């Protein structure tokens, strides 16, 4: 599948994913499980295309519980 994304759209995806990752553990385990799955999928897509999220690139995310 080919997907065209602008730089601004890619930056928004990264930023939104970082924000969601930061909210994991805030209360609802079911929501955390779903968000964790989506974050793993986005991280995988970014890595496959030579990108990573800001949180990951700053060394803040060595091995989070949602990457299990």
PDB file of N, CA and C in Angstrom:
ATOM      1  N   UNK A   1       0.836  -1.167   0.000  1.00  0.00           N
ATOM      2  CA  UNK A   1       0.000   0.000   0.000  1.00  0.00           C
ATOM      3  C   UNK A   1       0.886   1.238   0.000  1.00  0.00           C
ATOM      4  N   UNK A   2       0.568   2.185  -0.821  1.00  0.00           N
ATOM      5  CA  UNK A   2       1.298   3.442  -0.857  1.00  0.00           C
ATOM      6  C   UNK A   2       0.404   4.521  -0.262  1.00  0.00           C
ATOM      7  N   UNK A   3       0.996   5.360   0.579  1.00  0.00           N
ATOM      8  CA  UNK A   3       0.264   6.406   1.250  1.00  0.00           C
ATOM      9  C   UNK A   3       1.072   7.690   1.155  1.00  0.00           C
ATOM     10  N   UNK A   4       0.472   8.731   0.638  1.00  0.00           N
ATOM     11  CA  UNK A   4       1.168  10.010   0.563  1.00  0.00           C
ATOM     12  C   UNK A   4       0.840  10.814   1.810  1.00  0.00           C
ATOM     13  N   UNK A   5       1.887  11.297   2.459  1.00  0.00           N
ATOM     14  CA  UNK A   5       1.735  12.052   3.694  1.00  0.00           C
ATOM     15  C   UNK A   5       2.632  13.279   3.612  1.00  0.00           C
ATOM     16  N   UNK A   6       2.093  14.432   3.994  1.00  0.00           N
ATOM     17  CA  UNK A   6       2.914  15.637   4.014  1.00  0.00           C
ATOM     18  C   UNK A   6       3.761  15.639   5.286  1.00  0.00           C
ATOM     19  N   UNK A   7       4.789  16.473   5.298  1.00  0.00           N
ATOM     20  CA  UNK A   7       5.640  16.580   6.484  1.00  0.00           C
ATOM     21  C   UNK A   7       4.805  17.002   7.695  1.00  0.00           C
ATOM     22  N   UNK A   8       3.889  17.936   7.510  1.00  0.00           N
ATOM     23  CA  UNK A   8       3.046  18.395   8.617  1.00  0.00           C
ATOM     24  C   UNK A   8       2.159  17.260   9.138  1.00  0.00           C
ATOM     25  N   UNK A   9       1.635  16.438   8.246  1.00  0.00           N
ATOM     26  CA  UNK A   9       0.809  15.304   8.666  1.00  0.00           C
ATOM     27  C   UNK A   9       1.631  14.275   9.433  1.00  0.00           C
ATOM     28  N   UNK A  10       2.844  14.006   8.964  1.00  0.00           N
ATOM     29  CA  UNK A  10       3.723  13.061   9.650  1.00  0.00           C
ATOM     30  C   UNK A  10       4.075  13.582  11.044  1.00  0.00           C
ATOM     31  N   UNK A  11       4.380  14.857  11.144  1.00  0.00           N
ATOM     32  CA  UNK A  11       4.690  15.446  12.446  1.00  0.00           C
ATOM     33  C   UNK A  11       3.483  15.354  13.380  1.00  0.00           C
ATOM     34  N   UNK A  12       2.286  15.539  12.854  1.00  0.00           N
ATOM     35  CA  UNK A  12       1.077  15.432  13.671  1.00  0.00           C
ATOM     36  C   UNK A  12       0.875  13.999  14.164  1.00  0.00           C
ATOM     37  N   UNK A  13       1.145  13.024  13.318  1.00  0.00           N
ATOM     38  CA  UNK A  13       1.024  11.613  13.717  1.00  0.00           C
ATOM     39  C   UNK A  13       2.002  11.318  14.848  1.00  0.00           C
ATOM     40  N   UNK A  14       3.239  11.765  14.697  1.00  0.00           N
ATOM     41  CA  UNK A  14       4.248  11.527  15.726  1.00  0.00           C
ATOM     42  C   UNK A  14       3.853  12.183  17.041  1.00  0.00           C
ATOM     43  N   UNK A  15       3.438  13.436  16.972  1.00  0.00           N
ATOM     44  CA  UNK A  15       3.076  14.181  18.170  1.00  0.00           C
ATOM     45  C   UNK A  15       1.861  13.584  18.866  1.00  0.00           C
ATOM     46  N   UNK A  16       0.856  13.228  18.098  1.00  0.00           N
ATOM     47  CA  UNK A  16      -0.348  12.634  18.669  1.00  0.00           C
ATOM     48  C   UNK A  16      -0.039  11.282  19.310  1.00  0.00           C
ATOM     49  N   UNK A  17       0.812  10.508  18.685  1.00  0.00           N
ATOM     50  CA  UNK A  17       1.192   9.208  19.246  1.00  0.00           C
ATOM     51  C   UNK A  17       1.963   9.393  20.548  1.00  0.00           C
ATOM     52  N   UNK A  18       2.867  10.374  20.591  1.00  0.00           N
ATOM     53  CA  UNK A  18       3.576  10.672  21.834  1.00  0.00           C
ATOM     54  C   UNK A  18       2.592  11.063  22.935  1.00  0.00           C
ATOM     55  N   UNK A  19       1.619  11.903  22.596  1.00  0.00           N
ATOM     56  CA  UNK A  19       0.619  12.331  23.580  1.00  0.00           C
ATOM     57  C   UNK A  19      -0.171  11.142  24.118  1.00  0.00           C
ATOM     58  N   UNK A  20      -0.607  10.271  23.229  1.00  0.00           N
ATOM     59  CA  UNK A  20      -1.365   9.085  23.646  1.00  0.00           C
ATOM     60  C   UNK A  20      -0.510   8.166  24.513  1.00  0.00           C
ATOM     61  N   UNK A  21       0.747   7.987  24.132  1.00  0.00           N
ATOM     62  CA  UNK A  21       1.642   7.134  24.912  1.00  0.00           C
ATOM     63  C   UNK A  21       1.819   7.690  26.320  1.00  0.00           C
ATOM     64  N   UNK A  22       1.834   9.012  26.429  1.00  0.00           N
ATOM     65  CA  UNK A  22       1.991   9.645  27.728  1.00  0.00           C
ATOM     66  C   UNK A  22       0.779   9.475  28.636  1.00  0.00           C
ATOM     67  N   UNK A  23      -0.370   9.141  28.056  1.00  0.00           N
ATOM     68  CA  UNK A  23      -1.585   8.974  28.850  1.00  0.00           C
ATOM     69  C   UNK A  23      -1.813   7.536  29.306  1.00  0.00           C
ATOM     70  N   UNK A  24      -1.011   6.612  28.786  1.00  0.00           N
ATOM     71  CA  UNK A  24      -1.171   5.215  29.183  1.00  0.00           C
ATOM     72  C   UNK A  24      -0.846   5.076  30.665  1.00  0.00           C
ATOM     73  N   UNK A  25      -1.687   4.354  31.349  1.00  0.00           N
ATOM     74  CA  UNK A  25      -1.508   4.161  32.784  1.00  0.00           C
ATOM     75  C   UNK A  25      -2.299   5.153  33.611  1.00  0.00           C
ATOM     76  N   UNK A  26      -3.160   5.904  32.940  1.00  0.00           N
ATOM     77  CA  UNK A  26      -3.923   6.926  33.632  1.00  0.00           C
ATOM     78  C   UNK A  26      -5.225   6.450  34.236  1.00  0.00           C
ATOM     79  N   UNK A  27      -5.535   5.171  34.120  1.00  0.00           N
ATOM     80  CA  UNK A  27      -6.752   4.702  34.765  1.00  0.00           C
ATOM     81  C   UNK A  27      -7.438   3.524  34.109  1.00  0.00           C
ATOM     82  N   UNK A  28      -7.889   3.677  32.896  1.00  0.00           N
ATOM     83  CA  UNK A  28      -8.702   2.645  32.250  1.00  0.00           C
ATOM     84  C   UNK A  28      -7.816   1.611  31.556  1.00  0.00           C
ATOM     85  N   UNK A  29      -7.783   0.415  32.102  1.00  0.00           N
ATOM     86  CA  UNK A  29      -6.923  -0.636  31.543  1.00  0.00           C
ATOM     87  C   UNK A  29      -7.333  -1.036  30.131  1.00  0.00           C
ATOM     88  N   UNK A  30      -8.631  -1.057  29.853  1.00  0.00           N
ATOM     89  CA  UNK A  30      -9.093  -1.429  28.510  1.00  0.00           C
ATOM     90  C   UNK A  30      -8.628  -0.398  27.482  1.00  0.00           C
ATOM     91  N   UNK A  31      -8.756   0.875  27.804  1.00  0.00           N
ATOM     92  CA  UNK A  31      -8.286   1.928  26.899  1.00  0.00           C
ATOM     93  C   UNK A  31      -6.779   1.840  26.728  1.00  0.00           C
ATOM     94  N   UNK A  32      -6.053   1.591  27.822  1.00  0.00           N
ATOM     95  CA  UNK A  32      -4.598   1.449  27.742  1.00  0.00           C
ATOM     96  C   UNK A  32      -4.206   0.319  26.801  1.00  0.00           C
ATOM     97  N   UNK A  33      -4.909  -0.788  26.873  1.00  0.00           N
ATOM     98  CA  UNK A  33      -4.611  -1.941  26.013  1.00  0.00           C
ATOM     99  C   UNK A  33      -4.808  -1.581  24.541  1.00  0.00           C
ATOM    100  N   UNK A  34      -5.903  -0.899  24.247  1.00  0.00           N
ATOM    101  CA  UNK A  34      -6.198  -0.510  22.858  1.00  0.00           C
ATOM    102  C   UNK A  34      -5.185   0.519  22.373  1.00  0.00           C
ATOM    103  N   UNK A  35      -4.921   1.544  23.177  1.00  0.00           N
ATOM    104  CA  UNK A  35      -3.940   2.564  22.787  1.00  0.00           C
ATOM    105  C   UNK A  35      -2.572   1.943  22.583  1.00  0.00           C
ATOM    106  N   UNK A  36      -2.186   1.041  23.458  1.00  0.00           N
ATOM    107  CA  UNK A  36      -0.881   0.389  23.345  1.00  0.00           C
ATOM    108  C   UNK A  36      -0.742  -0.339  22.017  1.00  0.00           C
ATOM    109  N   UNK A  37      -1.791  -1.025  21.621  1.00  0.00           N
ATOM    110  CA  UNK A  37      -1.769  -1.747  20.340  1.00  0.00           C
ATOM    111  C   UNK A  37      -1.601  -0.767  19.190  1.00  0.00           C
ATOM    112  N   UNK A  38      -2.352   0.323  19.209  1.00  0.00           N
ATOM    113  CA  UNK A  38      -2.275   1.309  18.129  1.00  0.00           C
ATOM    114  C   UNK A  38      -0.901   1.979  18.098  1.00  0.00           C
ATOM    115  N   UNK A  39      -0.348   2.268  19.267  1.00  0.00           N
ATOM    116  CA  UNK A  39       0.979   2.876  19.333  1.00  0.00           C
ATOM    117  C   UNK A  39       2.032   1.938  18.767  1.00  0.00           C
ATOM    118  N   UNK A  40       1.964   0.658  19.108  1.00  0.00           N
ATOM    119  CA  UNK A  40       2.911  -0.319  18.539  1.00  0.00           C
ATOM    120  C   UNK A  40       2.803  -0.350  17.018  1.00  0.00           C
ATOM    121  N   UNK A  41       1.591  -0.324  16.485  1.00  0.00           N
ATOM    122  CA  UNK A  41       1.405  -0.347  15.033  1.00  0.00           C
ATOM    123  C   UNK A  41       1.982   0.908  14.376  1.00  0.00           C
ATOM    124  N   UNK A  42       1.749   2.060  14.985  1.00  0.00           N
ATOM    125  CA  UNK A  42       2.288   3.311  14.433  1.00  0.00           C
ATOM    126  C   UNK A  42       3.809   3.306  14.512  1.00  0.00           C
ATOM    127  N   UNK A  43       4.370   2.873  15.652  1.00  0.00           N
ATOM    128  CA  UNK A  43       5.828   2.798  15.779  1.00  0.00           C
ATOM    129  C   UNK A  43       6.427   1.880  14.728  1.00  0.00           C
ATOM    130  N   UNK A  44       5.788   0.755  14.486  1.00  0.00           N
ATOM    131  CA  UNK A  44       6.274  -0.187  13.479  1.00  0.00           C
ATOM    132  C   UNK A  44       6.254   0.450  12.088  1.00  0.00           C
ATOM    133  N   UNK A  45       5.173   1.162  11.768  1.00  0.00           N
ATOM    134  CA  UNK A  45       5.060   1.830  10.476  1.00  0.00           C
ATOM    135  C   UNK A  45       6.133   2.901  10.324  1.00  0.00           C
ATOM    136  N   UNK A  46       6.352   3.672  11.382  1.00  0.00           N
ATOM    137  CA  UNK A  46       7.370   4.719  11.320  1.00  0.00           C
ATOM    138  C   UNK A  46       8.760   4.118  11.127  1.00  0.00           C
ATOM    139  N   UNK A  47       9.110   3.097  11.920  1.00  0.00           N
ATOM    140  CA  UNK A  47      10.427   2.455  11.791  1.00  0.00           C
ATOM    141  C   UNK A  47      10.636   1.886  10.400  1.00  0.00           C
ATOM    142  N   UNK A  48       9.619   1.243   9.859  1.00  0.00           N
ATOM    143  CA  UNK A  48       9.716   0.626   8.530  1.00  0.00           C
ATOM    144  C   UNK A  48      10.029   1.668   7.462  1.00  0.00           C
ATOM    145  N   UNK A  49       9.622   2.909   7.728  1.00  0.00           N
ATOM    146  CA  UNK A  49       9.816   3.985   6.753  1.00  0.00           C
ATOM    147  C   UNK A  49      10.921   4.963   7.166  1.00  0.00           C
ATOM    148  N   UNK A  50      11.770   4.540   8.116  1.00  0.00           N
ATOM    149  CA  UNK A  50      12.924   5.343   8.479  1.00  0.00           C
ATOM    150  C   UNK A  50      12.642   6.514   9.411  1.00  0.00           C
ATOM    151  N   UNK A  51      11.564   6.457  10.165  1.00  0.00           N
ATOM    152  CA  UNK A  51      11.208   7.532  11.082  1.00  0.00           C
ATOM    153  C   UNK A  51      11.014   6.968  12.479  1.00  0.00           C
ATOM    154  N   UNK A  52      10.959   7.841  13.458  1.00  0.00           N
ATOM    155  CA  UNK A  52      10.577   7.433  14.801  1.00  0.00           C
ATOM    156  C   UNK A  52       9.918   8.610  15.500  1.00  0.00           C
ATOM    157  N   UNK A  53       9.203   8.300  16.569  1.00  0.00           N
ATOM    158  CA  UNK A  53       8.550   9.357  17.327  1.00  0.00           C
ATOM    159  C   UNK A  53       9.577  10.153  18.106  1.00  0.00           C
ATOM    160  N   UNK A  54       9.201  11.361  18.532  1.00  0.00           N
ATOM    161  CA  UNK A  54      10.097  12.229  19.294  1.00  0.00           C
ATOM    162  C   UNK A  54      10.472  11.589  20.620  1.00  0.00           C
ATOM    163  N   UNK A  55       9.501  11.022  21.298  1.00  0.00           N
ATOM    164  CA  UNK A  55       9.724  10.399  22.592  1.00  0.00           C
ATOM    165  C   UNK A  55      10.755   9.288  22.459  1.00  0.00           C
ATOM    166  N   UNK A  56      10.650   8.501  21.394  1.00  0.00           N
ATOM    167  CA  UNK A  56      11.612   7.425  21.156  1.00  0.00           C
ATOM    168  C   UNK A  56      12.991   7.985  20.818  1.00  0.00           C
ATOM    169  N   UNK A  57      13.044   9.018  20.011  1.00  0.00           N
ATOM    170  CA  UNK A  57      14.324   9.539  19.538  1.00  0.00           C
ATOM    171  C   UNK A  57      15.097  10.260  20.625  1.00  0.00           C
ATOM    172  N   UNK A  58      14.431  10.665  21.706  1.00  0.00           N
ATOM    173  CA  UNK A  58      15.111  11.363  22.792  1.00  0.00           C
ATOM    174  C   UNK A  58      15.610  10.397  23.859  1.00  0.00           C
ATOM    175  N   UNK A  59      15.477   9.106  23.626  1.00  0.00           N
ATOM    176  CA  UNK A  59      15.955   8.122  24.582  1.00  0.00           C
ATOM    177  C   UNK A  59      15.059   7.975  25.794  1.00  0.00           C
ATOM    178  N   UNK A  60      13.880   8.543  25.736  1.00  0.00           N
ATOM    179  CA  UNK A  60      12.951   8.500  26.872  1.00  0.00           C
ATOM    180  C   UNK A  60      12.161   7.203  26.906  1.00  0.00           C
ATOM    181  N   UNK A  61      12.202   6.474  25.842  1.00  0.00           N
ATOM    182  CA  UNK A  61      11.302   5.334  25.684  1.00  0.00           C
ATOM    183  C   UNK A  61      12.092   4.058  25.433  1.00  0.00           C
ATOM    184  N   UNK A  62      13.012   3.746  26.301  1.00  0.00           N
ATOM    185  CA  UNK A  62      13.876   2.586  26.084  1.00  0.00           C
ATOM    186  C   UNK A  62      13.077   1.297  25.964  1.00  0.00           C
ATOM    187  N   UNK A  63      12.166   1.056  26.885  1.00  0.00           N
ATOM    188  CA  UNK A  63      11.351  -0.150  26.816  1.00  0.00           C
ATOM    189  C   UNK A  63      10.115   0.072  27.674  1.00  0.00           C
ATOM    190  N   UNK A  64       9.086   0.623  27.063  1.00  0.00           N
ATOM    191  CA  UNK A  64       7.853   0.894  27.801  1.00  0.00           C
ATOM    192  C   UNK A  64       7.002  -0.338  27.921  1.00  0.00           C
ATOM    193  N   UNK A  65       6.111  -0.315  28.894  1.00  0.00           N
ATOM    194  CA  UNK A  65       5.237  -1.462  29.128  1.00  0.00           C
ATOM    195  C   UNK A  65       4.350  -1.761  27.930  1.00  0.00           C
ATOM    196  N   UNK A  66       4.045  -0.768  27.096  1.00  0.00           N
ATOM    197  CA  UNK A  66       3.164  -1.027  25.959  1.00  0.00           C
ATOM    198  C   UNK A  66       3.896  -1.617  24.772  1.00  0.00           C
ATOM    199  N   UNK A  67       5.203  -1.767  24.832  1.00  0.00           N
ATOM    200  CA  UNK A  67       5.946  -2.363  23.732  1.00  0.00           C
ATOM    201  C   UNK A  67       6.179  -3.843  23.926  1.00  0.00           C
ATOM    202  N   UNK A  68       5.624  -4.405  25.000  1.00  0.00           N
ATOM    203  CA  UNK A  68       5.808  -5.806  25.356  1.00  0.00           C
ATOM    204  C   UNK A  68       5.618  -6.747  24.300  1.00  0.00           C
TER     205      UNK A  68
END
